[in-house]
PDB file of N, CA and C in Angstrom:
ATOM      1  N   MET A   1      56.413  95.046 130.493  1.00  0.00           N
ATOM      2  CA  MET A   1      55.461  95.060 129.396  1.00  0.00           C
ATOM      3  C   MET A   1      54.917  96.485 129.264  1.00  0.00           C
ATOM      4  N   ASN A   2      54.942  97.000 128.052  1.00  0.00           N
ATOM      5  CA  ASN A   2      54.427  98.353 127.855  1.00  0.00           C
ATOM      6  C   ASN A   2      52.954  98.323 127.435  1.00  0.00           C
ATOM      7  N   SER A   3      52.360  99.492 127.290  1.00  0.00           N
ATOM      8  CA  SER A   3      50.919  99.570 127.011  1.00  0.00           C
ATOM      9  C   SER A   3      50.561  99.026 125.619  1.00  0.00           C
ATOM     10  N   LYS A   4      51.463  99.175 124.657  1.00  0.00           N
ATOM     11  CA  LYS A   4      51.212  98.647 123.315  1.00  0.00           C
ATOM     12  C   LYS A   4      51.143  97.117 123.335  1.00  0.00           C
ATOM     13  N   GLN A   5      52.060  96.508 124.054  1.00  0.00           N
ATOM     14  CA  GLN A   5      52.072  95.053 124.174  1.00  0.00           C
ATOM     15  C   GLN A   5      50.853  94.563 124.946  1.00  0.00           C
ATOM     16  N   ARG A   6      50.506  95.283 126.020  1.00  0.00           N
ATOM     17  CA  ARG A   6      49.335  94.907 126.821  1.00  0.00           C
ATOM     18  C   ARG A   6      48.064  94.994 125.973  1.00  0.00           C
ATOM     19  N   ALA A   7      47.936  96.041 125.164  1.00  0.00           N
ATOM     20  CA  ALA A   7      46.764  96.193 124.298  1.00  0.00           C
ATOM     21  C   ALA A   7      46.686  95.058 123.280  1.00  0.00           C
ATOM     22  N   TYR A   8      47.830  94.650 122.747  1.00  0.00           N
ATOM     23  CA  TYR A   8      47.872  93.542 121.796  1.00  0.00           C
ATOM     24  C   TYR A   8      47.389  92.247 122.452  1.00  0.00           C
ATOM     25  N   LEU A   9      47.856  91.994 123.682  1.00  0.00           N
ATOM     26  CA  LEU A   9      47.442  90.790 124.402  1.00  0.00           C
ATOM     27  C   LEU A   9      45.963  90.833 124.776  1.00  0.00           C
ATOM     28  N   LYS A  10      45.443  92.002 125.109  1.00  0.00           N
ATOM     29  CA  LYS A  10      44.012  92.137 125.411  1.00  0.00           C
ATOM     30  C   LYS A  10      43.182  91.760 124.187  1.00  0.00           C
ATOM     31  N   GLY A  11      43.645  92.173 123.013  1.00  0.00           N
ATOM     32  CA  GLY A  11      42.944  91.823 121.777  1.00  0.00           C
ATOM     33  C   GLY A  11      42.941  90.329 121.534  1.00  0.00           C
ATOM     34  N   LEU A  12      44.064  89.680 121.795  1.00  0.00           N
ATOM     35  CA  LEU A  12      44.133  88.225 121.639  1.00  0.00           C
ATOM     36  C   LEU A  12      43.237  87.522 122.660  1.00  0.00           C
ATOM     37  N   ALA A  13      43.185  88.067 123.870  1.00  0.00           N
ATOM     38  CA  ALA A  13      42.413  87.441 124.951  1.00  0.00           C
ATOM     39  C   ALA A  13      40.918  87.495 124.689  1.00  0.00           C
ATOM     40  N   MET A  14      40.467  88.453 123.908  1.00  0.00           N
ATOM     41  CA  MET A  14      39.037  88.557 123.616  1.00  0.00           C
ATOM     42  C   MET A  14      38.522  87.305 122.907  1.00  0.00           C
ATOM     43  N   ASN A  15      39.376  86.648 122.152  1.00  0.00           N
ATOM     44  CA  ASN A  15      38.959  85.516 121.328  1.00  0.00           C
ATOM     45  C   ASN A  15      39.179  84.149 121.971  1.00  0.00           C
ATOM     46  N   ILE A  16      39.681  84.128 123.204  1.00  0.00           N
ATOM     47  CA  ILE A  16      39.886  82.835 123.850  1.00  0.00           C
ATOM     48  C   ILE A  16      38.882  82.647 124.984  1.00  0.00           C
ATOM     49  N   ASP A  17      38.622  81.386 125.302  1.00  0.00           N
ATOM     50  CA  ASP A  17      37.703  81.053 126.390  1.00  0.00           C
ATOM     51  C   ASP A  17      38.476  80.831 127.682  1.00  0.00           C
ATOM     52  N   SER A  18      37.771  80.976 128.791  1.00  0.00           N
ATOM     53  CA  SER A  18      38.372  80.677 130.087  1.00  0.00           C
ATOM     54  C   SER A  18      38.661  79.178 130.162  1.00  0.00           C
ATOM     55  N   ILE A  19      39.864  78.842 130.594  1.00  0.00           N
ATOM     56  CA  ILE A  19      40.201  77.423 130.692  1.00  0.00           C
ATOM     57  C   ILE A  19      40.289  76.964 132.144  1.00  0.00           C
ATOM     58  N   LEU A  20      40.308  77.920 133.078  1.00  0.00           N
ATOM     59  CA  LEU A  20      40.384  77.578 134.488  1.00  0.00           C
ATOM     60  C   LEU A  20      39.343  78.376 135.266  1.00  0.00           C
ATOM     61  N   ASN A  21      38.841  77.795 136.357  1.00  0.00           N
ATOM     62  CA  ASN A  21      37.863  78.462 137.208  1.00  0.00           C
ATOM     63  C   ASN A  21      38.343  78.452 138.650  1.00  0.00           C
ATOM     64  N   ILE A  22      38.188  79.600 139.314  1.00  0.00           N
ATOM     65  CA  ILE A  22      38.490  79.679 140.740  1.00  0.00           C
ATOM     66  C   ILE A  22      37.164  79.603 141.474  1.00  0.00           C
ATOM     67  N   GLY A  23      37.012  78.597 142.321  1.00  0.00           N
ATOM     68  CA  GLY A  23      35.767  78.397 143.057  1.00  0.00           C
ATOM     69  C   GLY A  23      35.908  78.759 144.523  1.00  0.00           C
ATOM     70  N   LYS A  24      35.071  78.159 145.349  1.00  0.00           N
ATOM     71  CA  LYS A  24      35.040  78.530 146.761  1.00  0.00           C
ATOM     72  C   LYS A  24      36.289  78.130 147.526  1.00  0.00           C
ATOM     73  N   SER A  25      37.052  77.179 147.010  1.00  0.00           N
ATOM     74  CA  SER A  25      38.294  76.809 147.692  1.00  0.00           C
ATOM     75  C   SER A  25      39.407  77.828 147.419  1.00  0.00           C
ATOM     76  N   SER A  26      39.141  78.784 146.547  1.00  0.00           N
ATOM     77  CA  SER A  26      40.057  79.876 146.215  1.00  0.00           C
ATOM     78  C   SER A  26      41.380  79.342 145.672  1.00  0.00           C
ATOM     79  N   LEU A  27      42.500  79.927 146.089  1.00  0.00           N
ATOM     80  CA  LEU A  27      43.800  79.543 145.552  1.00  0.00           C
ATOM     81  C   LEU A  27      44.420  78.406 146.346  1.00  0.00           C
ATOM     82  N   THR A  28      44.521  77.269 145.707  1.00  0.00           N
ATOM     83  CA  THR A  28      45.181  76.128 146.314  1.00  0.00           C
ATOM     84  C   THR A  28      46.513  75.910 145.584  1.00  0.00           C
ATOM     85  N   PRO A  29      47.447  75.193 146.189  1.00  0.00           N
ATOM     86  CA  PRO A  29      48.703  74.894 145.480  1.00  0.00           C
ATOM     87  C   PRO A  29      48.453  74.140 144.168  1.00  0.00           C
ATOM     88  N   GLU A  30      47.439  73.278 144.152  1.00  0.00           N
ATOM     89  CA  GLU A  30      47.120  72.531 142.928  1.00  0.00           C
ATOM     90  C   GLU A  30      46.635  73.469 141.821  1.00  0.00           C
ATOM     91  N   PHE A  31      45.827  74.463 142.202  1.00  0.00           N
ATOM     92  CA  PHE A  31      45.336  75.414 141.207  1.00  0.00           C
ATOM     93  C   PHE A  31      46.500  76.231 140.642  1.00  0.00           C
ATOM     94  N   THR A  32      47.396  76.676 141.515  1.00  0.00           N
ATOM     95  CA  THR A  32      48.556  77.444 141.065  1.00  0.00           C
ATOM     96  C   THR A  32      49.407  76.614 140.112  1.00  0.00           C
ATOM     97  N   GLU A  33      49.551  75.335 140.398  1.00  0.00           N
ATOM     98  CA  GLU A  33      50.320  74.439 139.531  1.00  0.00           C
ATOM     99  C   GLU A  33      49.647  74.291 138.162  1.00  0.00           C
ATOM    100  N   SER A  34      48.323  74.181 138.157  1.00  0.00           N
ATOM    101  CA  SER A  34      47.613  74.044 136.873  1.00  0.00           C
ATOM    102  C   SER A  34      47.714  75.333 136.063  1.00  0.00           C
ATOM    103  N   VAL A  35      47.737  76.488 136.718  1.00  0.00           N
ATOM    104  CA  VAL A  35      47.929  77.763 136.002  1.00  0.00           C
ATOM    105  C   VAL A  35      49.322  77.792 135.386  1.00  0.00           C
ATOM    106  N   SER A  36      50.322  77.360 136.133  1.00  0.00           N
ATOM    107  CA  SER A  36      51.697  77.314 135.610  1.00  0.00           C
ATOM    108  C   SER A  36      51.800  76.427 134.376  1.00  0.00           C
ATOM    109  N   GLU A  37      51.169  75.261 134.443  1.00  0.00           N
ATOM    110  CA  GLU A  37      51.201  74.341 133.300  1.00  0.00           C
ATOM    111  C   GLU A  37      50.489  74.940 132.093  1.00  0.00           C
ATOM    112  N   ALA A  38      49.353  75.595 132.325  1.00  0.00           N
ATOM    113  CA  ALA A  38      48.609  76.216 131.228  1.00  0.00           C
ATOM    114  C   ALA A  38      49.415  77.352 130.598  1.00  0.00           C
ATOM    115  N   LEU A  39      50.082  78.147 131.418  1.00  0.00           N
ATOM    116  CA  LEU A  39      50.912  79.236 130.899  1.00  0.00           C
ATOM    117  C   LEU A  39      52.081  78.694 130.088  1.00  0.00           C
ATOM    118  N   ALA A  40      52.667  77.600 130.523  1.00  0.00           N
ATOM    119  CA  ALA A  40      53.783  77.003 129.789  1.00  0.00           C
ATOM    120  C   ALA A  40      53.334  76.511 128.424  1.00  0.00           C
ATOM    121  N   ALA A  41      52.113  75.997 128.349  1.00  0.00           N
ATOM    122  CA  ALA A  41      51.609  75.450 127.087  1.00  0.00           C
ATOM    123  C   ALA A  41      51.045  76.523 126.165  1.00  0.00           C
ATOM    124  N   ARG A  42      50.416  77.566 126.736  1.00  0.00           N
ATOM    125  CA  ARG A  42      49.675  78.519 125.908  1.00  0.00           C
ATOM    126  C   ARG A  42      50.192  79.945 125.920  1.00  0.00           C
ATOM    127  N   GLU A  43      50.934  80.345 126.911  1.00  0.00           N
ATOM    128  CA  GLU A  43      51.440  81.703 127.129  1.00  0.00           C
ATOM    129  C   GLU A  43      50.364  82.685 127.597  1.00  0.00           C
ATOM    130  N   LEU A  44      49.174  82.632 127.044  1.00  0.00           N
ATOM    131  CA  LEU A  44      48.089  83.546 127.404  1.00  0.00           C
ATOM    132  C   LEU A  44      46.922  82.725 127.943  1.00  0.00           C
ATOM    133  N   VAL A  45      46.497  83.019 129.178  1.00  0.00           N
ATOM    134  CA  VAL A  45      45.479  82.215 129.848  1.00  0.00           C
ATOM    135  C   VAL A  45      44.392  83.122 130.409  1.00  0.00           C
ATOM    136  N   LYS A  46      43.145  82.694 130.223  1.00  0.00           N
ATOM    137  CA  LYS A  46      42.011  83.406 130.802  1.00  0.00           C
ATOM    138  C   LYS A  46      41.412  82.539 131.905  1.00  0.00           C
ATOM    139  N   ILE A  47      41.170  83.179 133.061  1.00  0.00           N
ATOM    140  CA  ILE A  47      40.653  82.483 134.236  1.00  0.00           C
ATOM    141  C   ILE A  47      39.353  83.148 134.673  1.00  0.00           C
ATOM    142  N   SER A  48      38.355  82.351 135.012  1.00  0.00           N
ATOM    143  CA  SER A  48      37.091  82.870 135.547  1.00  0.00           C
ATOM    144  C   SER A  48      37.074  82.714 137.059  1.00  0.00           C
ATOM    145  N   VAL A  49      36.590  83.754 137.732  1.00  0.00           N
ATOM    146  CA  VAL A  49      36.383  83.681 139.180  1.00  0.00           C
ATOM    147  C   VAL A  49      34.891  83.454 139.382  1.00  0.00           C
ATOM    148  N   LEU A  50      34.535  82.291 139.904  1.00  0.00           N
ATOM    149  CA  LEU A  50      33.126  81.950 140.078  1.00  0.00           C
ATOM    150  C   LEU A  50      32.492  82.773 141.198  1.00  0.00           C
ATOM    151  N   LYS A  51      31.171  82.860 141.180  1.00  0.00           N
ATOM    152  CA  LYS A  51      30.455  83.672 142.165  1.00  0.00           C
ATOM    153  C   LYS A  51      30.590  83.144 143.590  1.00  0.00           C
ATOM    154  N   ASN A  52      30.840  81.848 143.747  1.00  0.00           N
ATOM    155  CA  ASN A  52      30.980  81.308 145.097  1.00  0.00           C
ATOM    156  C   ASN A  52      32.364  81.566 145.698  1.00  0.00           C
ATOM    157  N   CYS A  53      33.258  82.211 144.949  1.00  0.00           N
ATOM    158  CA  CYS A  53      34.559  82.620 145.472  1.00  0.00           C
ATOM    159  C   CYS A  53      34.404  84.031 146.033  1.00  0.00           C
ATOM    160  N   LEU A  54      34.687  84.189 147.305  1.00  0.00           N
ATOM    161  CA  LEU A  54      34.458  85.461 147.972  1.00  0.00           C
ATOM    162  C   LEU A  54      35.644  86.425 147.881  1.00  0.00           C
ATOM    163  N   ASP A  55      36.760  85.987 147.318  1.00  0.00           N
ATOM    164  CA  ASP A  55      37.947  86.834 147.214  1.00  0.00           C
ATOM    165  C   ASP A  55      37.825  87.832 146.071  1.00  0.00           C
ATOM    166  N   ASP A  56      38.567  88.926 146.174  1.00  0.00           N
ATOM    167  CA  ASP A  56      38.576  89.964 145.149  1.00  0.00           C
ATOM    168  C   ASP A  56      39.367  89.484 143.926  1.00  0.00           C
ATOM    169  N   PRO A  57      38.773  89.537 142.725  1.00  0.00           N
ATOM    170  CA  PRO A  57      39.475  89.062 141.520  1.00  0.00           C
ATOM    171  C   PRO A  57      40.817  89.757 141.272  1.00  0.00           C
ATOM    172  N   LYS A  58      40.913  91.060 141.566  1.00  0.00           N
ATOM    173  CA  LYS A  58      42.183  91.758 141.342  1.00  0.00           C
ATOM    174  C   LYS A  58      43.274  91.236 142.267  1.00  0.00           C
ATOM    175  N   GLU A  59      42.927  91.024 143.525  1.00  0.00           N
ATOM    176  CA  GLU A  59      43.911  90.482 144.465  1.00  0.00           C
ATOM    177  C   GLU A  59      44.326  89.080 144.045  1.00  0.00           C
ATOM    178  N   LEU A  60      43.352  88.271 143.615  1.00  0.00           N
ATOM    179  CA  LEU A  60      43.661  86.922 143.142  1.00  0.00           C
ATOM    180  C   LEU A  60      44.607  86.968 141.946  1.00  0.00           C
ATOM    181  N   ALA A  61      44.335  87.878 141.015  1.00  0.00           N
ATOM    182  CA  ALA A  61      45.149  87.985 139.798  1.00  0.00           C
ATOM    183  C   ALA A  61      46.605  88.267 140.143  1.00  0.00           C
ATOM    184  N   TYR A  62      46.843  89.235 141.014  1.00  0.00           N
ATOM    185  CA  TYR A  62      48.220  89.585 141.349  1.00  0.00           C
ATOM    186  C   TYR A  62      48.901  88.510 142.200  1.00  0.00           C
ATOM    187  N   THR A  63      48.135  87.811 143.012  1.00  0.00           N
ATOM    188  CA  THR A  63      48.697  86.709 143.790  1.00  0.00           C
ATOM    189  C   THR A  63      49.110  85.561 142.870  1.00  0.00           C
ATOM    190  N   ILE A  64      48.235  85.212 141.927  1.00  0.00           N
ATOM    191  CA  ILE A  64      48.561  84.138 140.971  1.00  0.00           C
ATOM    192  C   ILE A  64      49.768  84.541 140.125  1.00  0.00           C
ATOM    193  N   ALA A  65      49.787  85.788 139.658  1.00  0.00           N
ATOM    194  CA  ALA A  65      50.897  86.264 138.828  1.00  0.00           C
ATOM    195  C   ALA A  65      52.217  86.181 139.586  1.00  0.00           C
ATOM    196  N   GLU A  66      52.186  86.538 140.857  1.00  0.00           N
ATOM    197  CA  GLU A  66      53.402  86.469 141.672  1.00  0.00           C
ATOM    198  C   GLU A  66      53.864  85.026 141.844  1.00  0.00           C
ATOM    199  N   ARG A  67      52.936  84.124 142.107  1.00  0.00           N
ATOM    200  CA  ARG A  67      53.292  82.713 142.330  1.00  0.00           C
ATOM    201  C   ARG A  67      53.761  82.019 141.057  1.00  0.00           C
ATOM    202  N   THR A  68      53.226  82.417 139.915  1.00  0.00           N
ATOM    203  CA  THR A  68      53.587  81.760 138.654  1.00  0.00           C
ATOM    204  C   THR A  68      54.628  82.542 137.856  1.00  0.00           C
ATOM    205  N   ARG A  69      55.053  83.673 138.382  1.00  0.00           N
ATOM    206  CA  ARG A  69      56.010  84.561 137.707  1.00  0.00           C
ATOM    207  C   ARG A  69      55.491  84.993 136.336  1.00  0.00           C
ATOM    208  N   SER A  70      54.208  85.319 136.278  1.00  0.00           N
ATOM    209  CA  SER A  70      53.595  85.786 135.036  1.00  0.00           C
ATOM    210  C   SER A  70      53.183  87.243 135.208  1.00  0.00           C
ATOM    211  N   GLU A  71      52.544  87.796 134.172  1.00  0.00           N
ATOM    212  CA  GLU A  71      52.089  89.183 134.228  1.00  0.00           C
ATOM    213  C   GLU A  71      50.581  89.242 134.063  1.00  0.00           C
ATOM    214  N   VAL A  72      49.957  90.152 134.811  1.00  0.00           N
ATOM    215  CA  VAL A  72      48.521  90.367 134.688  1.00  0.00           C
ATOM    216  C   VAL A  72      48.307  91.273 133.479  1.00  0.00           C
ATOM    217  N   VAL A  73      47.559  90.774 132.500  1.00  0.00           N
ATOM    218  CA  VAL A  73      47.236  91.580 131.330  1.00  0.00           C
ATOM    219  C   VAL A  73      46.039  92.466 131.653  1.00  0.00           C
ATOM    220  N   GLN A  74      44.991  91.851 132.209  1.00  0.00           N
ATOM    221  CA  GLN A  74      43.812  92.618 132.594  1.00  0.00           C
ATOM    222  C   GLN A  74      42.934  91.823 133.541  1.00  0.00           C
ATOM    223  N   VAL A  75      42.126  92.561 134.284  1.00  0.00           N
ATOM    224  CA  VAL A  75      41.091  91.974 135.125  1.00  0.00           C
ATOM    225  C   VAL A  75      39.823  92.745 134.813  1.00  0.00           C
ATOM    226  N   ILE A  76      38.846  92.056 134.223  1.00  0.00           N
ATOM    227  CA  ILE A  76      37.558  92.686 133.909  1.00  0.00           C
ATOM    228  C   ILE A  76      36.484  91.881 134.609  1.00  0.00           C
ATOM    229  N   GLY A  77      35.806  92.526 135.533  1.00  0.00           N
ATOM    230  CA  GLY A  77      34.767  91.823 136.279  1.00  0.00           C
ATOM    231  C   GLY A  77      35.352  90.641 137.014  1.00  0.00           C
ATOM    232  N   ARG A  78      34.913  89.447 136.651  1.00  0.00           N
ATOM    233  CA  ARG A  78      35.392  88.228 137.299  1.00  0.00           C
ATOM    234  C   ARG A  78      36.262  87.395 136.355  1.00  0.00           C
ATOM    235  N   ARG A  79      36.879  88.053 135.384  1.00  0.00           N
ATOM    236  CA  ARG A  79      37.779  87.383 134.437  1.00  0.00           C
ATOM    237  C   ARG A  79      39.191  87.941 134.601  1.00  0.00           C
ATOM    238  N   ILE A  80      40.145  87.028 134.624  1.00  0.00           N
ATOM    239  CA  ILE A  80      41.558  87.379 134.770  1.00  0.00           C
ATOM    240  C   ILE A  80      42.293  86.880 133.526  1.00  0.00           C
ATOM    241  N   VAL A  81      43.160  87.719 132.975  1.00  0.00           N
ATOM    242  CA  VAL A  81      43.994  87.303 131.842  1.00  0.00           C
ATOM    243  C   VAL A  81      45.451  87.439 132.265  1.00  0.00           C
ATOM    244  N   LEU A  82      46.195  86.341 132.137  1.00  0.00           N
ATOM    245  CA  LEU A  82      47.606  86.302 132.502  1.00  0.00           C
ATOM    246  C   LEU A  82      48.460  85.952 131.286  1.00  0.00           C
ATOM    247  N   TYR A  83      49.701  86.470 131.274  1.00  0.00           N
ATOM    248  CA  TYR A  83      50.634  86.179 130.194  1.00  0.00           C
ATOM    249  C   TYR A  83      51.990  85.829 130.784  1.00  0.00           C
ATOM    250  N   LYS A  84      52.601  84.810 130.219  1.00  0.00           N
ATOM    251  CA  LYS A  84      53.976  84.463 130.569  1.00  0.00           C
ATOM    252  C   LYS A  84      54.659  83.959 129.311  1.00  0.00           C
ATOM    253  N   GLU A  85      55.735  84.621 128.939  1.00  0.00           N
ATOM    254  CA  GLU A  85      56.460  84.235 127.731  1.00  0.00           C
ATOM    255  C   GLU A  85      57.094  82.867 127.914  1.00  0.00           C
ATOM    256  N   SER A  86      56.892  82.018 126.943  1.00  0.00           N
ATOM    257  CA  SER A  86      57.452  80.668 126.984  1.00  0.00           C
ATOM    258  C   SER A  86      58.764  80.648 126.206  1.00  0.00           C
ATOM    259  N   LYS A  87      59.738  79.988 126.766  1.00  0.00           N
ATOM    260  CA  LYS A  87      61.042  79.917 126.096  1.00  0.00           C
ATOM    261  C   LYS A  87      61.044  78.870 124.981  1.00  0.00           C
ATOM    262  N   GLU A  88      60.422  77.700 125.237  1.00  0.00           N
ATOM    263  CA  GLU A  88      60.482  76.625 124.245  1.00  0.00           C
ATOM    264  C   GLU A  88      59.235  76.503 123.368  1.00  0.00           C
ATOM    265  N   HIS A  89      58.074  76.966 123.837  1.00  0.00           N
ATOM    266  CA  HIS A  89      56.833  76.866 123.047  1.00  0.00           C
ATOM    267  C   HIS A  89      56.311  78.254 122.704  1.00  0.00           C
ATOM    268  N   LYS A  90      57.126  79.059 122.036  1.00  0.00           N
ATOM    269  CA  LYS A  90      56.762  80.441 121.730  1.00  0.00           C
ATOM    270  C   LYS A  90      55.657  80.465 120.689  1.00  0.00           C
ATOM    271  N   LYS A  91      54.508  81.039 121.076  1.00  0.00           N
ATOM    272  CA  LYS A  91      53.366  81.122 120.168  1.00  0.00           C
ATOM    273  C   LYS A  91      52.983  82.562 119.858  1.00  0.00           C
ATOM    274  N   ILE A  92      53.227  83.456 120.811  1.00  0.00           N
ATOM    275  CA  ILE A  92      52.786  84.846 120.668  1.00  0.00           C
ATOM    276  C   ILE A  92      54.024  85.724 120.489  1.00  0.00           C
ATOM    277  N   GLU A  93      54.021  86.517 119.433  1.00  0.00           N
ATOM    278  CA  GLU A  93      55.102  87.455 119.174  1.00  0.00           C
ATOM    279  C   GLU A  93      54.604  88.852 119.542  1.00  0.00           C
ATOM    280  N   LEU A  94      55.152  89.414 120.605  1.00  0.00           N
ATOM    281  CA  LEU A  94      54.739  90.736 121.054  1.00  0.00           C
ATOM    282  C   LEU A  94      55.302  91.827 120.158  1.00  0.00           C
ATOM    283  N   PRO A  95      54.552  92.933 119.982  1.00  0.00           N
ATOM    284  CA  PRO A  95      55.091  94.063 119.232  1.00  0.00           C
ATOM    285  C   PRO A  95      56.312  94.635 119.951  1.00  0.00           C
ATOM    286  N   LYS A  96      57.225  95.209 119.199  1.00  0.00           N
ATOM    287  CA  LYS A  96      58.434  95.788 119.798  1.00  0.00           C
ATOM    288  C   LYS A  96      58.066  97.044 120.581  1.00  0.00           C
ATOM    289  N   LYS A  97      58.927  97.392 121.537  1.00  0.00           N
ATOM    290  CA  LYS A  97      58.660  98.537 122.412  1.00  0.00           C
ATOM    291  C   LYS A  97      58.771  99.836 121.730  1.00  0.00           C
TER     292      LYS A  97
END
């Protein structure tokens, strides 16, 4: 993903709400599975890291991205935005490189 595509996704992410929250139990297999399902349905997902989660949001973002085979668009404060292109439910058309 190049910077133009990342900037486009950041703009789209500004208008969506967080649909998942990471709490004190941190990353569980069930949470990773729910992120995968959300990415398959929406392509672009925003996740909130709650204050009772003691892990670093950036480390969490890259760990989730690795487990779900997605890309980290951005991490701002305690918000994570992930993107994974869907083959069958294509909703977002990225700008060309």
